[in-house]
Amino acid sequence: MDKPVKPDLQFAKEIIKAGGESLKKCYQCSTCTVVCQLSPDKAPFPRKEMLYAQWGMKEKLFNNPDIWLCHHCGDCTAYCPRGAKPGEVLGAVRKLMIQHYSPPKFLAKWVADPKYLLLLFLFPLLLFLGELAILGYFSGTEIPRGEGGVMAYSAFLPAVPWIDVPFMAIAAFAVICFYLGVKKYWLDLTAGVELKRKDIYNCIYETIKDILLHKKFQFCTSNKGRYSAHMLVLYAFIGLAITTGIAAFYEWVLHWPSPYPQTNIVKIIGNTSGIALLIGMFLVIVNRAKNSAQQGIGSYFDWFLITVIFGVGITGFMAQILRLAEVETLGYASYIVHLVFVFVLFAYAPHSKMAHMVYRATAMVFSKAAMREENIKKEEAA
């Protein structure tokens, strides 16, 4: 016998407050389920998720991979006859799921609340200003120059220990938070479920391939521009990760201090990736503005990540241009601001919308292992 439904109206109110203001407009017509090209034929979404949300059925939502299998392409929202905006509602649920799974919970709530914005930026700013104070720059110590007497950020704030140590610490913090959150989520997903596929590593490989090709985004019809924008941002991050790896090899193995010539491979990959990042984020903003009437402009949670990523790209290029122009004061200030944005991006990654990449990937692996996606409409038609 099924357990009686225990509605939690307080949780439903939390969803509304988190960005799902249109939740109560849904009257279960199932248009969203019909138009969604990613929804499996068996127990399709997002109709049932809208019902769970209206009743405040927290466990049904949080233990559900479909919340993450939704890629928020906006088809359901665009065709909803009531303006219930299922995509925005599911986005609000995902935000609450991140708060639920990513430790520490207070930090996830801070990232989602605009009143803590200054505090989130203040911590890394004070950290780097403290390092400058230790180096004596506020008490008259002359800023050293690089080889050949050129302006060099590596001389201004040496990577070891002033940059590498704090960034390795926040990287470890982010990895631990992701691990604990994903472990808890996976246990909830698999509780009482017998996985039909035992080749989990193949499921992981297939998921990575799907992500790199952005296959799911190609199924979206209302906002096809999201595919190009997300592809640019994805490969920009991959390019910037490669850049960081090469720079680390130069520094730790070859002991070759920066700045490097503009023709060096690290500069070519880095600048190309930086341009791709800015173009991709510009397209993200344009797409949101263009489709805001039908799909909504997005919540503060969405725009926090958009702003931080855009800030990383803009301040990075500003710091580089000012260094090449030998504009010292503005250049050093831009560099510190750039470090602050990078710190915010990665330190709070498990608690911001950037966590989507990990939790969605986990849901995709589970879906493949449980053969949840075996009847997806588009793939079946192909």
Protein backbone atom coordinates (compact mmCIF):
# COMPACT_ATOMS: atom_id res chain seq x y z
CA MET A 1 0.00 0.00 0.00
CA ASP A 2 1.37 3.43 -0.98
CA LYS A 3 2.29 5.82 1.78
CA PRO A 4 -0.16 8.71 2.28
CA VAL A 5 0.89 11.99 0.69
CA LYS A 6 2.14 14.49 3.24
CA PRO A 7 2.14 17.92 1.65
CA ASP A 8 4.67 20.45 2.93
CA LEU A 9 3.30 23.88 2.08
CA GLN A 10 6.30 25.56 3.70
CA PHE A 11 8.64 23.88 1.20
CA ALA A 12 6.31 24.91 -1.65
CA LYS A 13 6.68 28.49 -0.41
CA GLU A 14 10.47 28.07 -0.41
CA ILE A 15 10.32 27.04 -4.07
CA ILE A 16 8.26 30.13 -4.88
CA LYS A 17 10.70 32.34 -2.98
CA ALA A 18 13.69 30.70 -4.72
CA GLY A 19 12.47 31.77 -8.16
CA GLY A 20 9.42 29.61 -8.83
CA GLU A 21 6.88 32.45 -8.45
CA SER A 22 4.70 31.00 -11.23
CA LEU A 23 4.35 27.58 -9.57
CA LYS A 24 0.67 27.92 -8.61
CA LYS A 25 -0.35 28.73 -12.19
CA CYS A 26 0.21 25.13 -13.27
CA TYR A 27 -3.05 23.19 -13.74
CA GLN A 28 -1.49 19.91 -14.90
CA CYS A 29 -2.39 20.09 -18.59
CA SER A 30 0.81 18.16 -19.49
CA THR A 31 1.77 20.46 -22.38
CA CYS A 32 5.25 20.76 -20.88
CA THR A 33 5.74 16.99 -20.94
CA VAL A 34 4.53 16.70 -24.52
CA VAL A 35 6.81 19.42 -25.95
CA CYS A 36 9.95 18.44 -24.00
CA GLN A 37 12.32 16.61 -26.35
CA LEU A 38 14.42 15.30 -23.46
CA SER A 39 11.60 13.73 -21.51
CA PRO A 40 11.46 9.89 -21.55
CA ASP A 41 8.20 8.19 -22.45
CA LYS A 42 8.20 6.35 -19.13
CA ALA A 43 7.37 8.66 -16.18
CA PRO A 44 8.17 11.80 -18.23
CA PHE A 45 8.98 15.23 -16.81
CA PRO A 46 8.33 18.04 -15.90
CA ARG A 47 4.60 17.57 -15.22
CA LYS A 48 5.07 15.29 -12.21
CA GLU A 49 7.80 17.59 -10.83
CA MET A 50 5.39 20.54 -11.02
CA LEU A 51 2.87 18.50 -9.02
CA TYR A 52 5.49 17.50 -6.45
CA ALA A 53 6.51 21.15 -6.13
CA GLN A 54 2.93 22.36 -5.65
CA TRP A 55 2.45 19.85 -2.86
CA GLY A 56 5.88 20.52 -1.36
CA MET A 57 6.98 16.91 -1.75
CA LYS A 58 10.63 17.53 -1.00
CA GLU A 59 11.87 13.93 -1.02
CA LYS A 60 10.12 13.18 -4.30
CA LEU A 61 11.94 16.13 -5.86
CA PHE A 62 15.36 15.74 -4.30
CA ASN A 63 15.62 11.97 -4.91
CA ASN A 64 14.63 12.48 -8.53
CA PRO A 65 17.23 12.52 -11.37
CA ASP A 66 14.76 14.21 -13.71
CA ILE A 67 15.24 17.55 -11.94
CA TRP A 68 18.76 17.52 -13.37
CA LEU A 69 17.98 15.75 -16.66
CA CYS A 70 16.00 18.89 -17.47
CA HIS A 71 18.48 21.21 -19.25
CA HIS A 72 16.30 24.31 -18.84
CA CYS A 73 16.11 24.86 -22.60
CA GLY A 74 12.79 26.66 -22.15
CA ASP A 75 10.55 24.66 -24.51
CA CYS A 76 8.13 23.81 -21.69
CA THR A 77 7.96 27.41 -20.52
CA ALA A 78 7.52 28.79 -24.04
CA TYR A 79 4.53 26.55 -24.77
CA CYS A 80 2.87 26.60 -21.34
CA PRO A 81 -0.69 27.97 -21.85
CA ARG A 82 -0.86 29.23 -18.28
CA GLY A 83 2.53 30.92 -18.00
CA ALA A 84 3.53 28.53 -15.21
CA LYS A 85 7.15 28.55 -16.44
CA PRO A 86 8.09 24.97 -15.51
CA GLY A 87 11.71 25.63 -16.48
CA GLU A 88 11.99 28.44 -13.92
CA VAL A 89 10.29 26.32 -11.26
CA LEU A 90 12.68 23.41 -11.82
CA GLY A 91 15.56 25.89 -11.73
CA ALA A 92 14.37 27.02 -8.30
CA VAL A 93 14.20 23.40 -7.14
CA ARG A 94 17.75 22.79 -8.36
CA LYS A 95 18.91 25.80 -6.35
CA LEU A 96 17.31 24.35 -3.21
CA MET A 97 18.84 20.95 -3.99
CA ILE A 98 22.31 22.50 -4.11
CA GLN A 99 21.64 24.05 -0.70
CA HIS A 100 20.51 20.65 0.56
CA TYR A 101 23.44 18.60 -0.72
CA SER A 102 26.46 20.94 -0.82
CA PRO A 103 28.16 21.44 2.54
CA PRO A 104 28.34 23.76 4.37
CA LYS A 105 24.67 24.65 3.89
CA PHE A 106 25.02 28.20 5.18
CA LEU A 107 27.45 29.01 2.36
CA ALA A 108 25.01 27.74 -0.28
CA LYS A 109 22.35 30.00 1.23
CA TRP A 110 24.72 32.97 1.20
CA VAL A 111 25.51 32.46 -2.49
CA ALA A 112 21.78 32.38 -3.28
CA ASP A 113 20.97 35.51 -1.25
CA PRO A 114 21.90 38.99 -2.59
CA LYS A 115 22.30 40.43 0.91
CA TYR A 116 25.49 38.37 1.33
CA LEU A 117 27.00 39.41 -2.02
CA LEU A 118 29.46 41.95 -0.60
CA LEU A 119 30.55 39.53 2.12
CA LEU A 120 31.34 36.81 -0.46
CA PHE A 121 33.63 39.22 -2.31
CA LEU A 122 35.00 40.89 0.81
CA PHE A 123 36.73 37.75 2.12
CA PRO A 124 39.04 37.20 -0.91
CA LEU A 125 39.59 40.94 -1.27
CA LEU A 126 40.82 41.21 2.33
CA LEU A 127 42.93 38.09 1.80
CA PHE A 128 44.84 39.58 -1.13
CA LEU A 129 45.05 43.05 0.42
CA GLY A 130 46.49 41.36 3.51
CA GLU A 131 49.16 39.73 1.36
CA LEU A 132 50.04 43.11 -0.16
CA ALA A 133 50.31 44.55 3.35
CA ILE A 134 52.66 41.73 4.40
CA LEU A 135 54.81 42.49 1.34
CA GLY A 136 54.98 46.09 2.58
CA TYR A 137 53.39 47.81 -0.41
CA PHE A 138 51.15 49.95 1.83
CA SER A 139 54.15 51.15 3.84
CA GLY A 140 56.27 52.38 0.97
CA THR A 141 58.07 49.25 -0.27
CA GLU A 142 58.83 49.63 -3.97
CA ILE A 143 57.10 47.15 -6.24
CA PRO A 144 59.75 44.97 -7.95
CA ARG A 145 59.92 44.63 -11.73
CA GLY A 146 60.25 41.54 -13.87
CA GLU A 147 63.20 40.45 -16.05
CA GLY A 148 64.40 43.30 -18.26
CA GLY A 149 62.73 45.83 -15.97
CA VAL A 150 59.22 45.20 -17.36
CA MET A 151 56.03 45.36 -15.34
CA ALA A 152 55.28 41.83 -14.15
CA TYR A 153 52.52 40.51 -11.93
CA SER A 154 54.75 37.57 -10.99
CA ALA A 155 57.15 40.07 -9.42
CA PHE A 156 54.34 42.12 -7.86
CA LEU A 157 52.68 39.10 -6.21
CA PRO A 158 54.80 35.95 -6.60
CA ALA A 159 52.78 32.81 -7.26
CA VAL A 160 54.58 30.95 -4.50
CA PRO A 161 53.25 31.31 -1.88
CA TRP A 162 50.88 34.24 -2.36
CA ILE A 163 48.69 32.82 -5.15
CA ASP A 164 49.31 29.09 -5.36
CA VAL A 165 48.73 28.40 -1.66
CA PRO A 166 45.30 30.11 -1.31
CA PHE A 167 44.09 28.79 -4.66
CA MET A 168 45.20 25.24 -3.94
CA ALA A 169 43.38 25.53 -0.61
CA ILE A 170 40.11 26.67 -2.21
CA ALA A 171 40.47 23.98 -4.89
CA ALA A 172 40.75 21.34 -2.17
CA PHE A 173 37.78 22.88 -0.35
CA ALA A 174 35.66 22.81 -3.52
CA VAL A 175 36.60 19.21 -4.33
CA ILE A 176 35.72 18.05 -0.80
CA CYS A 177 32.37 19.87 -0.92
CA PHE A 178 31.57 18.37 -4.32
CA TYR A 179 32.58 14.89 -3.16
CA LEU A 180 30.44 15.00 -0.03
CA GLY A 181 27.47 16.47 -1.88
CA VAL A 182 27.59 14.05 -4.80
CA LYS A 183 28.09 11.08 -2.49
CA LYS A 184 24.98 12.02 -0.53
CA TYR A 185 22.99 12.64 -3.72
CA TRP A 186 24.08 9.31 -5.26
CA LEU A 187 23.06 7.42 -2.12
CA ASP A 188 19.63 9.08 -2.28
CA LEU A 189 19.27 8.30 -5.98
CA THR A 190 20.19 4.65 -5.63
CA ALA A 191 18.32 3.94 -2.38
CA GLY A 192 16.07 0.97 -3.09
CA VAL A 193 16.93 1.03 -6.80
CA GLU A 194 18.56 -1.85 -8.65
CA LEU A 195 20.74 -0.45 -11.42
CA LYS A 196 20.17 -2.31 -14.70
CA ARG A 197 23.68 -1.57 -15.94
CA LYS A 198 26.69 -2.54 -13.85
CA ASP A 199 29.26 -0.88 -16.12
CA ILE A 200 29.31 2.41 -14.22
CA TYR A 201 32.60 3.47 -15.80
CA ASN A 202 31.07 3.15 -19.26
CA CYS A 203 28.10 5.20 -18.04
CA ILE A 204 30.54 7.87 -16.86
CA TYR A 205 32.35 7.78 -20.22
CA GLU A 206 29.06 8.13 -22.13
CA THR A 207 28.03 11.02 -19.89
CA ILE A 208 31.32 12.85 -20.46
CA LYS A 209 30.90 12.37 -24.21
CA ASP A 210 27.35 13.74 -24.05
CA ILE A 211 28.57 16.78 -22.13
CA LEU A 212 31.48 17.48 -24.49
CA LEU A 213 29.18 17.26 -27.50
CA HIS A 214 26.31 19.02 -25.72
CA LYS A 215 23.97 16.52 -27.32
CA LYS A 216 20.99 17.36 -25.10
CA PHE A 217 21.08 21.06 -25.95
CA GLN A 218 20.66 20.21 -29.63
CA PHE A 219 17.17 18.87 -28.89
CA CYS A 220 15.91 22.25 -27.66
CA THR A 221 13.73 24.14 -30.16
CA SER A 222 12.67 27.41 -28.47
CA ASN A 223 16.14 28.69 -27.70
CA LYS A 224 18.63 27.09 -30.06
CA GLY A 225 21.13 29.85 -29.31
CA ARG A 226 21.84 28.24 -25.93
CA TYR A 227 23.74 25.44 -27.69
CA SER A 228 26.33 27.78 -29.26
CA ALA A 229 26.66 29.91 -26.12
CA HIS A 230 27.16 26.94 -23.80
CA MET A 231 29.59 25.24 -26.18
CA LEU A 232 31.74 28.39 -26.28
CA VAL A 233 31.74 28.70 -22.50
CA LEU A 234 32.45 24.98 -21.97
CA TYR A 235 35.44 24.88 -24.31
CA ALA A 236 36.65 28.25 -23.07
CA PHE A 237 36.90 26.77 -19.57
CA ILE A 238 38.67 23.72 -20.95
CA GLY A 239 41.11 25.99 -22.79
CA LEU A 240 41.72 28.08 -19.67
CA ALA A 241 42.32 24.90 -17.65
CA ILE A 242 44.93 23.84 -20.22
CA THR A 243 46.47 27.31 -20.00
CA THR A 244 46.72 27.01 -16.22
CA GLY A 245 48.33 23.58 -16.56
CA ILE A 246 50.97 24.83 -19.00
CA ALA A 247 51.67 27.89 -16.84
CA ALA A 248 52.10 25.63 -13.80
CA PHE A 249 54.54 23.47 -15.78
CA TYR A 250 56.53 26.58 -16.75
CA GLU A 251 56.61 27.76 -13.13
CA TRP A 252 57.13 24.57 -11.15
CA VAL A 253 59.20 22.48 -13.58
CA LEU A 254 60.98 24.87 -15.93
CA HIS A 255 61.16 27.70 -13.37
CA TRP A 256 60.30 30.10 -16.17
CA PRO A 257 58.75 33.26 -14.65
CA SER A 258 55.98 35.21 -16.35
CA PRO A 259 55.17 37.36 -18.24
CA TYR A 260 55.48 35.19 -21.34
CA PRO A 261 55.68 36.49 -24.91
CA GLN A 262 52.32 37.01 -26.62
CA THR A 263 53.40 34.44 -29.20
CA ASN A 264 53.94 31.73 -26.56
CA ILE A 265 51.49 28.82 -26.68
CA VAL A 266 50.24 29.58 -23.17
CA LYS A 267 49.27 33.09 -24.31
CA ILE A 268 47.70 31.92 -27.55
CA ILE A 269 45.52 29.30 -25.84
CA GLY A 270 44.73 31.60 -22.92
CA ASN A 271 43.73 34.61 -25.02
CA THR A 272 41.74 32.52 -27.48
CA SER A 273 39.89 30.85 -24.62
CA GLY A 274 39.33 34.20 -22.91
CA ILE A 275 37.77 35.66 -26.05
CA ALA A 276 35.57 32.56 -26.45
CA LEU A 277 34.49 32.93 -22.81
CA LEU A 278 33.45 36.56 -23.26
CA ILE A 279 31.61 35.86 -26.52
CA GLY A 280 29.87 32.86 -24.98
CA MET A 281 28.77 34.82 -21.91
CA PHE A 282 27.63 37.71 -24.11
CA LEU A 283 25.45 35.25 -26.05
CA VAL A 284 24.10 33.85 -22.78
CA ILE A 285 23.00 37.34 -21.74
CA VAL A 286 21.55 38.14 -25.19
CA ASN A 287 19.60 34.87 -25.25
CA ARG A 288 18.17 35.52 -21.81
CA ALA A 289 17.11 39.04 -22.76
CA LYS A 290 15.64 37.92 -26.08
CA ASN A 291 13.59 35.12 -24.54
CA SER A 292 12.71 36.80 -21.25
CA ALA A 293 9.06 37.38 -22.17
CA GLN A 294 8.42 33.68 -22.72
CA GLN A 295 10.96 32.01 -20.49
CA GLY A 296 11.81 34.51 -17.79
CA ILE A 297 14.96 36.54 -17.28
CA GLY A 298 16.32 34.22 -14.59
CA SER A 299 16.87 34.56 -10.85
CA TYR A 300 19.61 36.24 -8.83
CA PHE A 301 21.17 32.77 -8.51
CA ASP A 302 21.56 32.60 -12.31
CA TRP A 303 22.92 36.11 -12.63
CA PHE A 304 25.42 35.67 -9.81
CA LEU A 305 27.30 33.06 -11.84
CA ILE A 306 26.91 34.97 -15.12
CA THR A 307 28.32 38.12 -13.52
CA VAL A 308 31.23 36.31 -11.87
CA ILE A 309 32.26 34.51 -15.07
CA PHE A 310 31.97 37.72 -17.09
CA GLY A 311 33.98 39.49 -14.38
CA VAL A 312 36.75 36.89 -14.63
CA GLY A 313 37.04 37.44 -18.39
CA ILE A 314 36.85 41.24 -18.38
CA THR A 315 39.29 41.79 -15.50
CA GLY A 316 41.70 39.22 -16.97
CA PHE A 317 41.93 41.08 -20.26
CA MET A 318 42.08 44.46 -18.52
CA ALA A 319 45.00 43.31 -16.37
CA GLN A 320 46.84 42.00 -19.43
CA ILE A 321 46.28 45.14 -21.55
CA LEU A 322 47.30 47.46 -18.71
CA ARG A 323 50.44 45.40 -18.10
CA LEU A 324 51.43 45.59 -21.75
CA ALA A 325 50.80 49.34 -21.64
CA GLU A 326 52.87 49.60 -18.43
CA VAL A 327 50.01 51.33 -16.58
CA GLU A 328 51.13 50.27 -13.14
CA THR A 329 48.54 51.46 -10.61
CA LEU A 330 45.47 50.49 -12.64
CA GLY A 331 47.18 47.32 -13.82
CA TYR A 332 47.98 46.07 -10.32
CA ALA A 333 44.47 47.01 -9.14
CA SER A 334 42.91 45.12 -12.09
CA TYR A 335 45.05 42.10 -11.31
CA ILE A 336 43.87 41.99 -7.68
CA VAL A 337 40.24 42.37 -8.78
CA HIS A 338 40.79 39.55 -11.29
CA LEU A 339 42.15 37.29 -8.55
CA VAL A 340 39.11 38.11 -6.41
CA PHE A 341 36.71 37.12 -9.20
CA VAL A 342 38.61 33.88 -9.87
CA PHE A 343 38.57 33.09 -6.14
CA VAL A 344 34.80 33.67 -5.95
CA LEU A 345 34.19 31.52 -9.04
CA PHE A 346 36.01 28.46 -7.74
CA ALA A 347 35.67 28.78 -3.94
CA TYR A 348 31.88 28.96 -4.19
CA ALA A 349 31.52 26.62 -7.19
CA PRO A 350 29.87 23.82 -5.11
CA HIS A 351 27.30 26.34 -3.86
CA SER A 352 26.57 28.37 -6.99
CA LYS A 353 24.91 27.45 -10.25
CA MET A 354 28.30 26.12 -11.36
CA ALA A 355 27.44 23.05 -9.27
CA HIS A 356 25.04 22.09 -12.08
CA MET A 357 27.94 20.57 -14.00
CA VAL A 358 28.53 18.05 -11.19
CA TYR A 359 25.01 17.23 -10.03
CA ARG A 360 23.61 17.07 -13.57
CA ALA A 361 26.47 14.78 -14.60
CA THR A 362 25.72 12.55 -11.59
CA ALA A 363 22.03 12.37 -12.55
CA MET A 364 23.00 11.54 -16.14
CA VAL A 365 25.26 8.69 -15.00
CA PHE A 366 22.48 7.33 -12.79
CA SER A 367 19.97 7.67 -15.62
CA LYS A 368 22.17 5.64 -17.95
CA ALA A 369 22.87 3.01 -15.29
CA ALA A 370 19.15 2.73 -14.51
CA MET A 371 18.38 2.88 -18.26
CA ARG A 372 16.14 5.86 -17.48
CA GLU A 373 16.78 7.46 -20.87
CA GLU A 374 16.22 4.43 -23.03
CA ASN A 375 13.02 5.80 -24.55
CA ILE A 376 13.86 9.46 -25.04
CA LYS A 377 11.75 10.66 -27.95
CA LYS A 378 14.44 12.17 -30.11
CA GLU A 379 16.83 9.26 -29.84
CA GLU A 380 14.04 6.78 -30.50
CA ALA A 381 12.95 8.73 -33.59
CA ALA A 382 16.52 8.78 -34.87
